[in-house]
Amino acid sequence: MNRIAPMLAPAGPAVDFSQDTIWISVIKAVAIMVFLLISVLFALWFERRLIGRFQQRLGPNVRGPFGLVQSIPDALKLVLKEDITVKGADKLIYIMAPVISVFCAFMVFAVIPFGPEVRIPFTDLVTPLQLTDLPVAVLYILGITGLGVYGIVLGGWSSGSTYPLLGSVRSTAQVISYELGMGLALVSVFIVSGSMSTSQIVSSQQQLWWSIALLPAFVVYILSMLGETNRLPFDLPEAEGELVGGFQTEYSSMKFAWFYLAEYINMLNVSAIATTVFMGGWRAPWPLSAINDGMFNEGWWPLLWFLIKLWGFMFFFVWVRATLLRFRYDQFMHFGWKVLIPVALAWVVAVAVVQGVRQFSGIDLQTILFVLAGLLVLLALVMFFIPEKGAKDKAGGAGSRALTGAGTPTIEPKKDEYFDAFAGGFPVPPLPGQQLPPSKRRARVTTPAAPETDEENSDG
């Protein structure tokens, strides 16, 4: 029992905040807010500029030097537009919803480490480049992001309109689905690093980044963060092609701008979490980290590495938006519950087993990896030799055969095997493997009309 107890106690922060006074904390908080506001302004130009290149749209690339003039009319439009409040809205909640979203978005960076301990210029004060840290800092981040969705839900509900309500309900399902996958991806990091403190997680990646050692968890987190921030291809709560504008349809002027600001700050939040938890945080990439005993991991250099990694993830956000199309809602839920969550859960179990064997037995890590590789190869062989579903029915019996134009036989389902799209009272698109019955209207259009006889053309 004495051997297990130290393992269960999470390691605390790896930095010392004892010299920070209340004024130092206030200065850090103001600096973080200014950094986020400036980063959002830069992100607007950054996104428009890149999408203009990706999609060959000339506007953001030719209006003014470096396309800087393109964003000025958009910002003025949000400020100068008439601020409309819907008559049927719940006024208090209608106004508070965007405030909740922005407030929760600003709170995440409080525990993000920008760098190690540095000396403040012109003083003898040494302080970490971090506002604060907690032994359960990552749980704090998950809690804050969970509260942030209440701004979307309450904004859609308080608008008193159908489309915003549907968008807010979708956001609830989206957060439940993709926060589970994100949380499970982070659990494997907790297991191997032995802490939920952000500064301690960065310290644990001194030899190897967790994005390499825990690659499946890193991929799950990347996909989950796209769904968490309502970005393409997972922007179902604000699908303008289906829901006009989603949860923010009834908002205008600055209240709409608050939601817009919260979305971009959340992009910075999840990028900063990915940088901290999986990409070594503020640590310099190899081989810079090995030069002169890690001189690039000291002083103000780590702030540069953190920002480079952060904006690398922001570039990935823009790249995905410019490339992929929006999922259907059933595809979106299927991917979250049947792909991401099972993969993340299986990976957590595998990491926990490996760590348990390493801690409580004399087996070295290399032997464990060889055993796991053998099991994966065996599983791949088993899945390769399993016959495909329906292979036994190729000889016949599953339905009538029809010949295509090339003479290849195809199997058509029986009449009672067709998918009834109106079984629940409203049309539902078929899932993969389901087939709608043949259209009677199409059959009438494609069937040639019978030629008229002489008797029908006669006067009699």
Protein backbone atom coordinates (compact mmCIF):
# COMPACT_ATOMS: atom_id res chain seq x y z
CA MET A 1 0.00 0.00 0.00
CA ASN A 2 2.88 2.33 0.72
CA ARG A 3 4.10 1.72 -2.83
CA ILE A 4 0.77 2.63 -4.39
CA ALA A 5 0.08 5.78 -2.38
CA PRO A 6 2.81 7.98 -3.94
CA MET A 7 1.59 7.02 -7.42
CA LEU A 8 -1.97 8.10 -6.66
CA ALA A 9 -0.93 11.54 -5.41
CA PRO A 10 -0.65 13.87 -8.43
CA ALA A 11 2.49 15.93 -8.72
CA GLY A 12 2.06 19.64 -8.07
CA PRO A 13 3.22 22.59 -10.15
CA ALA A 14 6.83 22.56 -11.29
CA VAL A 15 7.28 26.33 -10.87
CA ASP A 16 7.39 28.63 -7.86
CA PHE A 17 4.91 31.51 -7.53
CA SER A 18 5.99 32.53 -4.03
CA GLN A 19 7.56 35.82 -5.20
CA ASP A 20 4.46 36.94 -7.11
CA THR A 21 2.64 39.81 -5.43
CA ILE A 22 -0.91 40.89 -6.19
CA TRP A 23 0.40 43.55 -8.57
CA ILE A 24 2.48 41.04 -10.50
CA SER A 25 -0.61 38.85 -10.89
CA VAL A 26 -2.67 41.82 -12.10
CA ILE A 27 0.00 42.75 -14.66
CA LYS A 28 0.11 39.16 -15.90
CA ALA A 29 -3.69 39.01 -16.20
CA VAL A 30 -3.82 42.27 -18.17
CA ALA A 31 -0.97 41.08 -20.40
CA ILE A 32 -2.85 37.85 -21.16
CA MET A 33 -6.03 39.77 -22.08
CA VAL A 34 -4.10 42.13 -24.35
CA PHE A 35 -2.30 39.19 -25.92
CA LEU A 36 -5.60 37.43 -26.67
CA LEU A 37 -7.26 40.54 -28.16
CA ILE A 38 -4.27 41.28 -30.38
CA SER A 39 -4.08 37.60 -31.37
CA VAL A 40 -7.75 37.62 -32.42
CA LEU A 41 -7.17 40.67 -34.63
CA PHE A 42 -4.16 38.99 -36.17
CA ALA A 43 -6.11 35.71 -36.57
CA LEU A 44 -8.83 37.48 -38.59
CA TRP A 45 -6.27 38.82 -41.05
CA PHE A 46 -4.31 35.55 -40.91
CA GLU A 47 -7.37 33.45 -41.77
CA ARG A 48 -8.65 35.68 -44.55
CA ARG A 49 -5.21 35.91 -46.08
CA LEU A 50 -4.64 32.15 -46.07
CA ILE A 51 -8.12 31.25 -47.31
CA GLY A 52 -7.67 33.80 -50.08
CA ARG A 53 -4.56 31.88 -51.14
CA PHE A 54 -6.08 28.44 -50.70
CA GLN A 55 -9.29 29.22 -52.60
CA GLN A 56 -7.85 31.81 -55.04
CA ARG A 57 -10.02 34.63 -53.72
CA LEU A 58 -8.43 37.96 -54.57
CA GLY A 59 -10.17 40.19 -52.01
CA PRO A 60 -8.12 39.52 -48.86
CA ASN A 61 -4.89 39.47 -50.87
CA VAL A 62 -5.07 42.72 -52.86
CA ARG A 63 -7.02 45.17 -50.69
CA GLY A 64 -4.32 47.35 -49.21
CA PRO A 65 -0.77 46.32 -48.31
CA PHE A 66 -0.72 42.63 -47.43
CA GLY A 67 -4.52 42.59 -47.52
CA LEU A 68 -4.77 44.60 -44.29
CA VAL A 69 -7.64 46.82 -45.54
CA GLN A 70 -9.99 43.86 -45.98
CA SER A 71 -10.60 43.42 -42.23
CA ILE A 72 -11.18 47.11 -41.41
CA PRO A 73 -14.66 47.38 -43.03
CA ASP A 74 -15.68 44.11 -41.38
CA ALA A 75 -14.71 45.38 -37.93
CA LEU A 76 -16.47 48.71 -38.52
CA LYS A 77 -19.56 46.86 -39.72
CA LEU A 78 -19.87 45.02 -36.41
CA VAL A 79 -19.47 48.24 -34.41
CA LEU A 80 -21.73 50.51 -36.51
CA LYS A 81 -24.59 48.11 -37.19
CA GLU A 82 -27.88 48.70 -35.41
CA ASP A 83 -28.04 46.76 -32.14
CA ILE A 84 -31.37 44.89 -32.34
CA THR A 85 -32.97 43.05 -29.45
CA VAL A 86 -35.67 40.56 -30.44
CA LYS A 87 -39.06 41.29 -28.88
CA GLY A 88 -39.73 37.65 -28.00
CA ALA A 89 -36.34 37.17 -26.36
CA ASP A 90 -35.64 36.74 -22.67
CA LYS A 91 -33.80 40.06 -22.32
CA LEU A 92 -31.47 39.27 -19.41
CA ILE A 93 -30.31 35.86 -20.66
CA TYR A 94 -30.23 37.15 -24.24
CA ILE A 95 -27.64 39.76 -23.21
CA MET A 96 -25.74 37.57 -20.75
CA ALA A 97 -25.21 34.63 -23.16
CA PRO A 98 -22.39 36.20 -25.24
CA VAL A 99 -20.82 37.59 -22.04
CA ILE A 100 -20.68 34.06 -20.58
CA SER A 101 -18.99 32.73 -23.73
CA VAL A 102 -16.33 35.45 -23.76
CA PHE A 103 -15.69 35.29 -20.00
CA CYS A 104 -15.10 31.54 -20.07
CA ALA A 105 -12.89 31.87 -23.16
CA PHE A 106 -10.61 34.36 -21.37
CA MET A 107 -10.27 32.13 -18.27
CA VAL A 108 -8.43 29.22 -19.93
CA PHE A 109 -5.11 31.01 -20.45
CA ALA A 110 -4.77 31.58 -16.70
CA VAL A 111 -3.04 28.19 -16.30
CA ILE A 112 -1.17 28.05 -19.63
CA PRO A 113 2.64 28.33 -19.22
CA PHE A 114 4.22 30.69 -21.76
CA GLY A 115 7.73 29.93 -20.55
CA PRO A 116 9.93 29.11 -17.55
CA GLU A 117 10.97 31.46 -14.79
CA VAL A 118 12.38 34.74 -16.12
CA ARG A 119 13.82 37.88 -14.62
CA ILE A 120 11.67 40.97 -15.12
CA PRO A 121 13.72 43.71 -16.86
CA PHE A 122 15.16 46.46 -14.61
CA THR A 123 14.27 44.51 -11.46
CA ASP A 124 15.58 41.62 -9.42
CA LEU A 125 12.20 39.86 -9.43
CA VAL A 126 12.09 36.33 -10.89
CA THR A 127 8.67 35.03 -11.88
CA PRO A 128 7.26 32.27 -14.13
CA LEU A 129 5.73 33.24 -17.49
CA GLN A 130 2.41 31.93 -16.23
CA LEU A 131 -0.42 33.55 -14.29
CA THR A 132 -0.99 30.59 -11.96
CA ASP A 133 -1.00 26.81 -11.84
CA LEU A 134 -3.00 24.12 -10.05
CA PRO A 135 -2.43 20.44 -9.28
CA VAL A 136 -5.59 19.83 -11.34
CA ALA A 137 -5.08 22.58 -13.93
CA VAL A 138 -6.22 20.48 -16.90
CA LEU A 139 -9.44 19.56 -15.08
CA TYR A 140 -9.96 23.28 -14.50
CA ILE A 141 -9.60 23.83 -18.26
CA LEU A 142 -12.15 21.12 -19.05
CA GLY A 143 -14.57 22.61 -16.53
CA ILE A 144 -14.23 26.12 -17.95
CA THR A 145 -14.75 24.92 -21.53
CA GLY A 146 -17.82 22.99 -20.38
CA LEU A 147 -19.25 26.18 -18.84
CA GLY A 148 -18.51 28.13 -22.02
CA VAL A 149 -21.06 26.14 -24.00
CA TYR A 150 -23.79 27.53 -21.75
CA GLY A 151 -23.36 30.83 -23.57
CA ILE A 152 -24.25 29.13 -26.85
CA VAL A 153 -27.13 27.12 -25.34
CA LEU A 154 -28.65 30.09 -23.51
CA GLY A 155 -28.15 32.37 -26.51
CA GLY A 156 -30.10 30.03 -28.77
CA TRP A 157 -32.81 29.36 -26.20
CA SER A 158 -33.34 32.99 -25.14
CA SER A 159 -33.69 34.21 -28.75
CA GLY A 160 -37.23 32.85 -28.93
CA SER A 161 -36.71 31.50 -32.45
CA THR A 162 -36.63 28.03 -33.95
CA TYR A 163 -33.32 28.07 -35.80
CA PRO A 164 -31.21 29.43 -32.91
CA LEU A 165 -32.82 26.83 -30.62
CA LEU A 166 -31.86 24.01 -33.00
CA GLY A 167 -28.31 25.36 -33.17
CA SER A 168 -28.02 25.49 -29.38
CA VAL A 169 -29.36 21.93 -29.02
CA ARG A 170 -26.80 20.77 -31.56
CA SER A 171 -24.05 22.49 -29.57
CA THR A 172 -25.09 20.55 -26.46
CA ALA A 173 -24.80 17.24 -28.28
CA GLN A 174 -21.53 18.36 -29.82
CA VAL A 175 -19.90 19.23 -26.50
CA ILE A 176 -21.03 15.99 -24.86
CA SER A 177 -19.76 13.93 -27.78
CA TYR A 178 -16.40 15.56 -28.40
CA GLU A 179 -15.45 16.54 -24.85
CA LEU A 180 -15.57 12.85 -23.95
CA GLY A 181 -13.07 12.06 -26.68
CA MET A 182 -10.93 15.04 -25.72
CA GLY A 183 -10.97 14.10 -22.04
CA LEU A 184 -9.99 10.50 -22.77
CA ALA A 185 -7.14 11.73 -24.98
CA LEU A 186 -5.86 13.83 -22.07
CA VAL A 187 -6.17 10.96 -19.57
CA SER A 188 -3.34 9.06 -21.26
CA VAL A 189 -1.13 12.14 -20.76
CA PHE A 190 -2.04 12.19 -17.06
CA ILE A 191 -1.02 8.55 -16.75
CA VAL A 192 2.43 8.89 -18.31
CA SER A 193 3.29 12.31 -16.85
CA GLY A 194 1.94 11.59 -13.37
CA SER A 195 0.34 15.02 -13.02
CA MET A 196 -2.52 17.24 -14.16
CA SER A 197 -0.52 20.43 -13.61
CA THR A 198 0.29 22.18 -16.88
CA SER A 199 3.80 23.20 -15.80
CA GLN A 200 4.53 19.66 -14.60
CA ILE A 201 3.28 18.19 -17.89
CA VAL A 202 5.66 20.49 -19.78
CA SER A 203 8.52 19.38 -17.51
CA SER A 204 7.72 15.71 -18.17
CA GLN A 205 8.33 16.25 -21.92
CA GLN A 206 11.97 17.17 -21.50
CA GLN A 207 13.18 14.02 -23.30
CA LEU A 208 10.25 13.23 -25.62
CA TRP A 209 7.09 15.09 -26.61
CA TRP A 210 3.85 13.26 -25.87
CA SER A 211 2.63 13.89 -29.43
CA ILE A 212 5.20 11.28 -30.50
CA ALA A 213 4.91 8.82 -27.61
CA LEU A 214 1.09 9.09 -27.47
CA LEU A 215 0.34 9.61 -31.16
CA PRO A 216 -3.20 8.07 -31.17
CA ALA A 217 -4.23 10.31 -28.24
CA PHE A 218 -2.77 13.32 -30.05
CA VAL A 219 -4.78 12.54 -33.21
CA VAL A 220 -7.98 12.11 -31.17
CA TYR A 221 -7.36 15.44 -29.45
CA ILE A 222 -6.77 17.23 -32.79
CA LEU A 223 -10.07 15.93 -34.17
CA SER A 224 -11.92 16.68 -30.93
CA MET A 225 -10.67 20.26 -30.77
CA LEU A 226 -12.18 20.94 -34.22
CA GLY A 227 -15.55 19.75 -32.92
CA GLU A 228 -15.15 21.61 -29.63
CA THR A 229 -14.65 24.97 -31.34
CA ASN A 230 -17.49 24.58 -33.90
CA ARG A 231 -15.09 24.77 -36.80
CA LEU A 232 -15.39 23.10 -40.18
CA PRO A 233 -16.09 20.29 -40.80
CA PHE A 234 -17.89 20.21 -37.41
CA ASP A 235 -19.62 23.63 -37.33
CA LEU A 236 -23.12 22.13 -37.00
CA PRO A 237 -24.40 24.61 -34.34
CA GLU A 238 -24.00 27.49 -36.82
CA ALA A 239 -24.61 25.71 -40.12
CA GLU A 240 -25.71 28.66 -42.26
CA GLY A 241 -26.89 26.35 -45.04
CA GLU A 242 -29.43 24.72 -42.73
CA LEU A 243 -30.05 27.03 -39.76
CA VAL A 244 -29.56 30.53 -41.28
CA GLY A 245 -26.84 31.35 -38.75
CA GLY A 246 -27.46 28.83 -36.01
CA PHE A 247 -27.47 29.88 -32.38
CA GLN A 248 -26.43 33.47 -33.26
CA THR A 249 -29.09 34.15 -35.90
CA GLU A 250 -30.96 36.73 -33.79
CA TYR A 251 -27.82 38.58 -32.66
CA SER A 252 -26.38 41.67 -34.31
CA SER A 253 -23.78 44.37 -33.79
CA MET A 254 -21.58 44.00 -30.71
CA LYS A 255 -23.53 41.09 -29.18
CA PHE A 256 -22.76 39.10 -32.31
CA ALA A 257 -19.15 40.31 -32.11
CA TRP A 258 -18.86 38.82 -28.58
CA PHE A 259 -19.74 35.37 -29.93
CA TYR A 260 -17.30 35.91 -32.78
CA LEU A 261 -14.58 36.93 -30.32
CA ALA A 262 -15.26 33.88 -28.13
CA GLU A 263 -14.92 31.53 -31.11
CA TYR A 264 -11.48 32.81 -32.04
CA ILE A 265 -10.26 32.89 -28.45
CA ASN A 266 -11.40 29.28 -28.08
CA MET A 267 -9.33 28.42 -31.14
CA LEU A 268 -6.32 29.94 -29.38
CA ASN A 269 -7.26 28.07 -26.18
CA VAL A 270 -7.33 24.59 -27.69
CA SER A 271 -4.18 25.35 -29.67
CA ALA A 272 -2.41 26.40 -26.48
CA ILE A 273 -3.60 23.24 -24.70
CA ALA A 274 -2.33 21.06 -27.56
CA THR A 275 1.00 22.91 -27.45
CA THR A 276 1.29 22.50 -23.68
CA VAL A 277 0.10 18.91 -23.31
CA PHE A 278 1.41 17.25 -26.48
CA MET A 279 4.05 19.47 -28.12
CA GLY A 280 6.42 20.14 -25.23
CA GLY A 281 4.91 23.52 -24.35
CA TRP A 282 7.52 26.27 -24.41
CA ARG A 283 10.46 23.86 -24.90
CA ALA A 284 12.59 24.33 -28.00
CA PRO A 285 12.35 21.68 -30.71
CA TRP A 286 15.23 19.33 -31.35
CA PRO A 287 18.09 19.97 -32.18
CA LEU A 288 17.86 23.49 -30.72
CA SER A 289 17.10 22.01 -27.31
CA ALA A 290 20.49 20.23 -27.32
CA ILE A 291 22.63 23.29 -28.13
CA ASN A 292 24.81 24.60 -25.27
CA ASP A 293 23.02 22.57 -22.59
CA GLY A 294 19.60 23.88 -23.55
CA MET A 295 20.36 27.59 -23.79
CA PHE A 296 17.26 28.03 -26.00
CA ASN A 297 15.09 26.74 -23.14
CA GLU A 298 16.13 29.59 -20.86
CA GLY A 299 15.25 33.25 -20.62
CA TRP A 300 12.76 34.70 -23.11
CA TRP A 301 13.52 32.25 -25.93
CA PRO A 302 10.80 29.76 -24.80
CA LEU A 303 8.12 32.39 -25.41
CA LEU A 304 9.08 32.37 -29.10
CA TRP A 305 8.82 28.56 -29.36
CA PHE A 306 5.43 28.62 -27.65
CA LEU A 307 4.05 31.19 -30.09
CA ILE A 308 5.42 29.31 -33.12
CA LYS A 309 3.72 26.10 -32.02
CA LEU A 310 0.49 27.96 -31.16
CA TRP A 311 0.22 29.56 -34.58
CA GLY A 312 1.12 26.28 -36.22
CA PHE A 313 -2.14 24.88 -34.84
CA MET A 314 -3.98 28.04 -35.92
CA PHE A 315 -2.67 27.44 -39.44
CA PHE A 316 -4.07 23.90 -39.22
CA PHE A 317 -7.50 25.33 -38.30
CA VAL A 318 -7.51 27.58 -41.36
CA TRP A 319 -6.20 24.82 -43.62
CA VAL A 320 -9.02 22.47 -42.60
CA ARG A 321 -11.65 25.17 -43.06
CA ALA A 322 -10.41 26.00 -46.55
CA THR A 323 -10.27 22.33 -47.58
CA LEU A 324 -13.07 20.22 -46.07
CA LEU A 325 -16.84 20.31 -46.32
CA ARG A 326 -19.33 20.20 -43.47
CA PHE A 327 -20.43 16.80 -42.13
CA ARG A 328 -24.04 15.73 -42.05
CA TYR A 329 -25.43 15.63 -38.52
CA ASP A 330 -25.73 11.82 -38.45
CA GLN A 331 -22.14 11.51 -39.75
CA PHE A 332 -21.02 13.96 -37.11
CA MET A 333 -22.58 12.02 -34.21
CA HIS A 334 -21.46 8.67 -35.64
CA PHE A 335 -17.85 9.85 -35.87
CA GLY A 336 -17.83 11.18 -32.32
CA TRP A 337 -19.48 8.26 -30.53
CA LYS A 338 -18.45 5.27 -32.66
CA VAL A 339 -14.95 6.27 -33.76
CA LEU A 340 -13.27 8.85 -31.51
CA ILE A 341 -14.52 7.67 -28.11
CA PRO A 342 -13.82 3.92 -28.66
CA VAL A 343 -10.35 4.65 -30.06
CA ALA A 344 -9.50 7.00 -27.18
CA LEU A 345 -10.85 4.55 -24.58
CA ALA A 346 -8.89 1.63 -26.04
CA TRP A 347 -5.73 3.74 -26.07
CA VAL A 348 -6.22 4.77 -22.42
CA VAL A 349 -6.58 1.11 -21.42
CA ALA A 350 -3.43 0.18 -23.36
CA VAL A 351 -1.40 3.01 -21.80
CA ALA A 352 -2.67 2.14 -18.32
CA VAL A 353 -1.71 -1.55 -18.78
CA VAL A 354 1.78 -0.65 -20.03
CA GLN A 355 2.37 1.77 -17.16
CA GLY A 356 1.07 -0.73 -14.62
CA VAL A 357 3.33 -3.49 -15.92
CA ARG A 358 6.32 -1.14 -15.85
CA GLN A 359 5.61 -0.02 -12.28
CA PHE A 360 4.75 -3.36 -10.66
CA SER A 361 6.91 -5.87 -12.56
CA GLY A 362 10.48 -6.23 -13.70
CA ILE A 363 9.58 -6.27 -17.40
CA ASP A 364 11.32 -3.55 -19.35
CA LEU A 365 9.57 -1.26 -21.82
CA GLN A 366 11.21 -2.82 -24.89
CA THR A 367 9.74 -6.25 -24.12
CA ILE A 368 6.30 -4.73 -23.61
CA LEU A 369 6.49 -2.94 -26.96
CA PHE A 370 7.51 -6.15 -28.76
CA VAL A 371 4.54 -8.00 -27.21
CA LEU A 372 2.13 -5.23 -28.17
CA ALA A 373 3.50 -5.14 -31.72
CA GLY A 374 2.99 -8.91 -32.00
CA LEU A 375 -0.60 -8.58 -30.79
CA LEU A 376 -1.29 -5.83 -33.30
CA VAL A 377 0.12 -7.92 -36.14
CA LEU A 378 -1.99 -10.89 -35.03
CA LEU A 379 -5.10 -8.71 -34.87
CA ALA A 380 -4.40 -7.32 -38.35
CA LEU A 381 -4.01 -10.85 -39.77
CA VAL A 382 -7.25 -12.00 -38.16
CA MET A 383 -9.16 -9.02 -39.54
CA PHE A 384 -7.57 -9.53 -42.98
CA PHE A 385 -8.68 -13.15 -43.26
CA ILE A 386 -12.23 -12.61 -41.92
CA PRO A 387 -14.59 -12.91 -44.91
CA GLU A 388 -16.42 -9.77 -45.86
CA LYS A 389 -19.99 -9.35 -44.75
CA GLY A 390 -22.35 -10.83 -47.29
CA ALA A 391 -19.68 -12.83 -49.09
CA LYS A 392 -21.67 -16.03 -48.57
CA ASP A 393 -24.70 -14.49 -50.26
CA LYS A 394 -22.91 -13.70 -53.53
CA ALA A 395 -24.12 -16.97 -55.05
CA GLY A 396 -27.74 -15.78 -54.81
CA GLY A 397 -30.67 -15.81 -52.44
CA ALA A 398 -30.30 -12.26 -51.13
CA GLY A 399 -32.45 -10.80 -53.89
CA SER A 400 -32.86 -10.68 -57.63
CA ARG A 401 -29.84 -10.02 -59.83
CA ALA A 402 -29.63 -7.27 -62.40
CA LEU A 403 -26.94 -6.74 -65.04
CA THR A 404 -25.27 -3.37 -65.36
CA GLY A 405 -24.22 -1.86 -68.66
CA ALA A 406 -20.83 -3.58 -68.41
CA GLY A 407 -22.41 -6.95 -67.68
CA THR A 408 -21.40 -7.05 -63.97
CA PRO A 409 -24.07 -8.73 -61.80
CA THR A 410 -25.37 -6.64 -58.88
CA ILE A 411 -27.63 -7.72 -56.03
CA GLU A 412 -30.77 -5.69 -55.40
CA PRO A 413 -32.50 -5.86 -52.01
CA LYS A 414 -35.88 -7.42 -51.59
CA LYS A 415 -38.95 -5.25 -51.32
CA ASP A 416 -39.16 -5.63 -47.53
CA GLU A 417 -35.43 -4.83 -47.12
CA TYR A 418 -35.66 -1.24 -48.39
CA PHE A 419 -35.15 1.61 -45.89
CA ASP A 420 -38.33 3.50 -44.97
CA ALA A 421 -37.31 7.13 -44.64
CA PHE A 422 -40.72 8.16 -43.23
CA ALA A 423 -40.99 5.48 -40.56
CA GLY A 424 -40.55 8.02 -37.73
CA GLY A 425 -42.98 10.56 -39.21
CA PHE A 426 -40.34 12.77 -40.86
CA PRO A 427 -37.77 12.13 -43.60
CA VAL A 428 -34.40 10.78 -42.45
CA PRO A 429 -31.43 10.26 -44.81
CA PRO A 430 -30.31 6.62 -45.19
CA LEU A 431 -27.20 5.46 -43.38
CA PRO A 432 -24.38 3.62 -45.18
CA GLY A 433 -25.63 0.18 -46.22
CA GLN A 434 -29.28 1.25 -46.36
CA GLN A 435 -31.06 1.77 -49.66
CA LEU A 436 -34.17 3.75 -50.46
CA PRO A 437 -36.92 2.11 -52.55
CA PRO A 438 -36.92 2.95 -56.26
CA SER A 439 -38.66 6.19 -57.13
CA LYS A 440 -42.03 5.69 -58.81
CA ARG A 441 -41.84 9.13 -60.40
CA ARG A 442 -38.45 8.35 -61.94
CA ALA A 443 -39.83 5.09 -63.30
CA ARG A 444 -42.70 6.95 -64.97
CA VAL A 445 -40.33 9.53 -66.45
CA THR A 446 -37.84 7.00 -67.81
CA THR A 447 -40.46 4.56 -69.17
CA PRO A 448 -41.29 5.50 -72.80
CA ALA A 449 -44.96 6.14 -73.55
CA ALA A 450 -46.84 3.58 -75.64
CA PRO A 451 -47.32 4.66 -79.31
CA GLU A 452 -50.82 5.74 -80.25
CA THR A 453 -52.79 3.43 -82.52
CA ASP A 454 -54.68 4.43 -85.67
CA GLU A 455 -57.99 3.87 -83.89
CA GLU A 456 -57.05 6.39 -81.13
CA ASN A 457 -56.12 8.98 -83.80
CA SER A 458 -59.33 8.46 -85.77
CA ASP A 459 -62.35 10.75 -85.35
CA GLY A 460 -64.39 7.89 -83.98
